[in-house]
C-alpha atoms as a PDB file:
ATOM      1  CA  MET A   1     129.891 161.767 -77.090  1.00  0.00           C
ATOM      2  CA  MET A   2     126.890 161.196 -75.003  1.00  0.00           C
ATOM      3  CA  ASN A   3     124.322 159.834 -76.595  1.00  0.00           C
ATOM      4  CA  LYS A   4     120.611 161.261 -75.537  1.00  0.00           C
ATOM      5  CA  ILE A   5     117.932 158.653 -74.386  1.00  0.00           C
ATOM      6  CA  HIS A   6     114.271 159.211 -73.679  1.00  0.00           C
ATOM      7  CA  VAL A   7     113.819 157.864 -70.575  1.00  0.00           C
ATOM      8  CA  LYS A   8     115.233 158.704 -67.321  1.00  0.00           C
ATOM      9  CA  THR A   9     116.031 156.646 -63.942  1.00  0.00           C
ATOM     10  CA  GLY A  10     112.829 155.844 -62.127  1.00  0.00           C
ATOM     11  CA  ASP A  11     110.245 156.037 -65.198  1.00  0.00           C
ATOM     12  CA  SER A  12     107.632 153.445 -65.763  1.00  0.00           C
ATOM     13  CA  VAL A  13     108.132 151.904 -69.470  1.00  0.00           C
ATOM     14  CA  VAL A  14     106.388 148.840 -71.294  1.00  0.00           C
ATOM     15  CA  ILE A  15     108.862 146.457 -73.479  1.00  0.00           C
ATOM     16  CA  LEU A  16     107.871 146.859 -77.049  1.00  0.00           C
ATOM     17  CA  SER A  17     110.040 143.994 -78.030  1.00  0.00           C
ATOM     18  CA  GLY A  18     111.726 140.891 -77.001  1.00  0.00           C
ATOM     19  CA  LYS A  19     110.997 137.746 -74.628  1.00  0.00           C
ATOM     20  CA  ASP A  20     109.052 140.824 -72.399  1.00  0.00           C
ATOM     21  CA  LYS A  21     107.050 141.911 -75.082  1.00  0.00           C
ATOM     22  CA  GLY A  22     104.242 143.848 -73.061  1.00  0.00           C
ATOM     23  CA  LYS A  23     105.520 143.923 -69.724  1.00  0.00           C
ATOM     24  CA  HIS A  24     105.378 147.152 -67.163  1.00  0.00           C
ATOM     25  CA  GLY A  25     108.578 147.753 -64.914  1.00  0.00           C
ATOM     26  CA  LYS A  26     110.771 150.596 -63.849  1.00  0.00           C
ATOM     27  CA  VAL A  27     113.977 152.074 -65.090  1.00  0.00           C
ATOM     28  CA  LEU A  28     116.608 151.166 -62.592  1.00  0.00           C
ATOM     29  CA  ALA A  29     119.595 151.950 -64.772  1.00  0.00           C
ATOM     30  CA  VAL A  30     120.409 154.373 -67.733  1.00  0.00           C
ATOM     31  CA  SER A  31     123.548 154.025 -69.667  1.00  0.00           C
ATOM     32  CA  PRO A  32     123.952 156.920 -72.633  1.00  0.00           C
ATOM     33  CA  LYS A  33     127.270 155.800 -73.762  1.00  0.00           C
ATOM     34  CA  GLU A  34     126.219 152.679 -74.420  1.00  0.00           C
ATOM     35  CA  GLY A  35     122.391 153.498 -75.455  1.00  0.00           C
ATOM     36  CA  LYS A  36     121.109 150.703 -72.834  1.00  0.00           C
ATOM     37  CA  VAL A  37     118.753 150.888 -69.898  1.00  0.00           C
ATOM     38  CA  ILE A  38     118.166 148.453 -66.996  1.00  0.00           C
ATOM     39  CA  VAL A  39     114.187 147.684 -66.375  1.00  0.00           C
ATOM     40  CA  GLU A  40     112.933 145.925 -63.009  1.00  0.00           C
ATOM     41  CA  GLY A  41     111.792 142.319 -63.408  1.00  0.00           C
ATOM     42  CA  CYS A  42     112.195 142.844 -67.139  1.00  0.00           C
ATOM     43  CA  ASN A  43     115.451 140.700 -69.190  1.00  0.00           C
ATOM     44  CA  ILE A  44     116.244 138.176 -66.366  1.00  0.00           C
ATOM     45  CA  ALA A  45     119.651 136.598 -67.178  1.00  0.00           C
ATOM     46  CA  THR A  46     121.113 134.017 -65.111  1.00  0.00           C
ATOM     47  CA  LYS A  47     125.196 134.154 -64.050  1.00  0.00           C
ATOM     48  CA  ALA A  48     127.215 131.872 -62.250  1.00  0.00           C
ATOM     49  CA  VAL A  49     128.815 133.758 -58.762  1.00  0.00           C
ATOM     50  CA  LYS A  50     131.599 132.618 -57.037  1.00  0.00           C
ATOM     51  CA  PRO A  51     131.912 132.901 -53.244  1.00  0.00           C
ATOM     52  CA  ARG A  52     134.197 136.023 -52.741  1.00  0.00           C
ATOM     53  CA  ARG A  53     134.725 135.477 -48.835  1.00  0.00           C
ATOM     54  CA  ARG A  54     135.014 132.737 -46.177  1.00  0.00           C
ATOM     55  CA  GLY A  55     131.463 131.608 -45.275  1.00  0.00           C
ATOM     56  CA  GLU A  56     130.014 133.428 -48.382  1.00  0.00           C
ATOM     57  CA  THR A  57     127.972 130.764 -50.744  1.00  0.00           C
ATOM     58  CA  GLY A  58     128.517 130.774 -54.517  1.00  0.00           C
ATOM     59  CA  GLY A  59     125.819 129.303 -56.773  1.00  0.00           C
ATOM     60  CA  ILE A  60     123.470 130.843 -59.874  1.00  0.00           C
ATOM     61  CA  VAL A  61     121.890 134.362 -59.424  1.00  0.00           C
ATOM     62  CA  LYS A  62     119.477 135.743 -61.358  1.00  0.00           C
ATOM     63  CA  ALA A  63     119.371 139.812 -62.379  1.00  0.00           C
ATOM     64  CA  GLU A  64     118.552 141.998 -64.647  1.00  0.00           C
ATOM     65  CA  ALA A  65     120.491 142.432 -67.747  1.00  0.00           C
ATOM     66  CA  ALA A  66     120.798 146.111 -69.790  1.00  0.00           C
ATOM     67  CA  MET A  67     118.432 146.390 -72.961  1.00  0.00           C
ATOM     68  CA  TYR A  68     118.677 148.663 -75.679  1.00  0.00           C
ATOM     69  CA  SER A  69     116.821 151.638 -74.746  1.00  0.00           C
ATOM     70  CA  SER A  70     114.744 151.777 -78.321  1.00  0.00           C
ATOM     71  CA  LYS A  71     113.117 148.478 -77.114  1.00  0.00           C
ATOM     72  CA  VAL A  72     111.311 150.289 -74.398  1.00  0.00           C
ATOM     73  CA  ALA A  73     108.422 153.251 -74.445  1.00  0.00           C
ATOM     74  CA  LEU A  74     107.497 155.421 -71.916  1.00  0.00           C
ATOM     75  CA  LEU A  75     104.490 154.644 -69.997  1.00  0.00           C
ATOM     76  CA  CYS A  76     101.753 157.182 -69.501  1.00  0.00           C
ATOM     77  CA  PRO A  77     100.352 156.907 -65.766  1.00  0.00           C
ATOM     78  CA  LYS A  78      97.025 158.662 -66.732  1.00  0.00           C
ATOM     79  CA  CYS A  79      95.926 156.761 -70.108  1.00  0.00           C
ATOM     80  CA  ASN A  80      98.331 153.881 -69.248  1.00  0.00           C
ATOM     81  CA  HIS A  81      99.308 153.657 -72.721  1.00  0.00           C
ATOM     82  CA  ALA A  82     102.989 153.415 -74.198  1.00  0.00           C
ATOM     83  CA  THR A  83     103.843 156.901 -75.572  1.00  0.00           C
ATOM     84  CA  ARG A  84     106.005 159.426 -76.769  1.00  0.00           C
ATOM     85  CA  TYR A  85     106.069 162.770 -75.039  1.00  0.00           C
ATOM     86  CA  GLY A  86     106.403 166.325 -76.105  1.00  0.00           C
ATOM     87  CA  VAL A  87     107.714 169.251 -73.923  1.00  0.00           C
ATOM     88  CA  LYS A  88     105.975 172.111 -72.690  1.00  0.00           C
ATOM     89  CA  LEU A  89     106.583 174.734 -69.988  1.00  0.00           C
ATOM     90  CA  ASP A  90     104.799 174.823 -66.970  1.00  0.00           C
ATOM     91  CA  GLU A  91     103.712 178.422 -64.766  1.00  0.00           C
ATOM     92  CA  GLU A  92     107.265 178.833 -63.259  1.00  0.00           C
ATOM     93  CA  GLY A  93     109.131 178.136 -66.665  1.00  0.00           C
ATOM     94  CA  ASN A  94     110.169 174.653 -66.123  1.00  0.00           C
ATOM     95  CA  LYS A  95     110.315 172.672 -69.140  1.00  0.00           C
ATOM     96  CA  VAL A  96     108.312 169.178 -67.939  1.00  0.00           C
ATOM     97  CA  ARG A  97     107.378 165.953 -69.906  1.00  0.00           C
ATOM     98  CA  VAL A  98     103.606 165.381 -71.254  1.00  0.00           C
ATOM     99  CA  CYS A  99     101.616 162.677 -73.226  1.00  0.00           C
ATOM    100  CA  LYS A 100     101.312 162.754 -76.751  1.00  0.00           C
ATOM    101  CA  HIS A 101      98.300 160.827 -76.335  1.00  0.00           C
ATOM    102  CA  CYS A 102      95.909 162.551 -73.643  1.00  0.00           C
ATOM    103  CA  GLY A 103      97.984 165.604 -72.672  1.00  0.00           C
ATOM    104  CA  ALA A 104      99.105 164.804 -69.071  1.00  0.00           C
ATOM    105  CA  GLU A 105     101.792 165.279 -67.336  1.00  0.00           C
ATOM    106  CA  ILE A 106     104.535 162.738 -67.058  1.00  0.00           C
ATOM    107  CA  LYS A 107     106.865 162.659 -63.834  1.00  0.00           C
END
């Protein structure tokens, strides 16, 4: 069963809790099955990487780790607030997300 996540890949979000609280970033990947997202520049984890081919270097690499989607909130581009979104129909009858604070359309 797939779970619905309130953010999509490419959305701008703000971190609500944890060591990166208050940081802004872009969603790089969404995993609905696990309920997690990966946010650019947030929740950085270090991991050891072995060299796989001859001439390749190994070492310690820093990369973004997944975090629960409940720890992030959508960022409104107009009012620059962490917000929930509502859904409205545009002129062509397509659903669009709108900010609950200011009513701006969220792309």
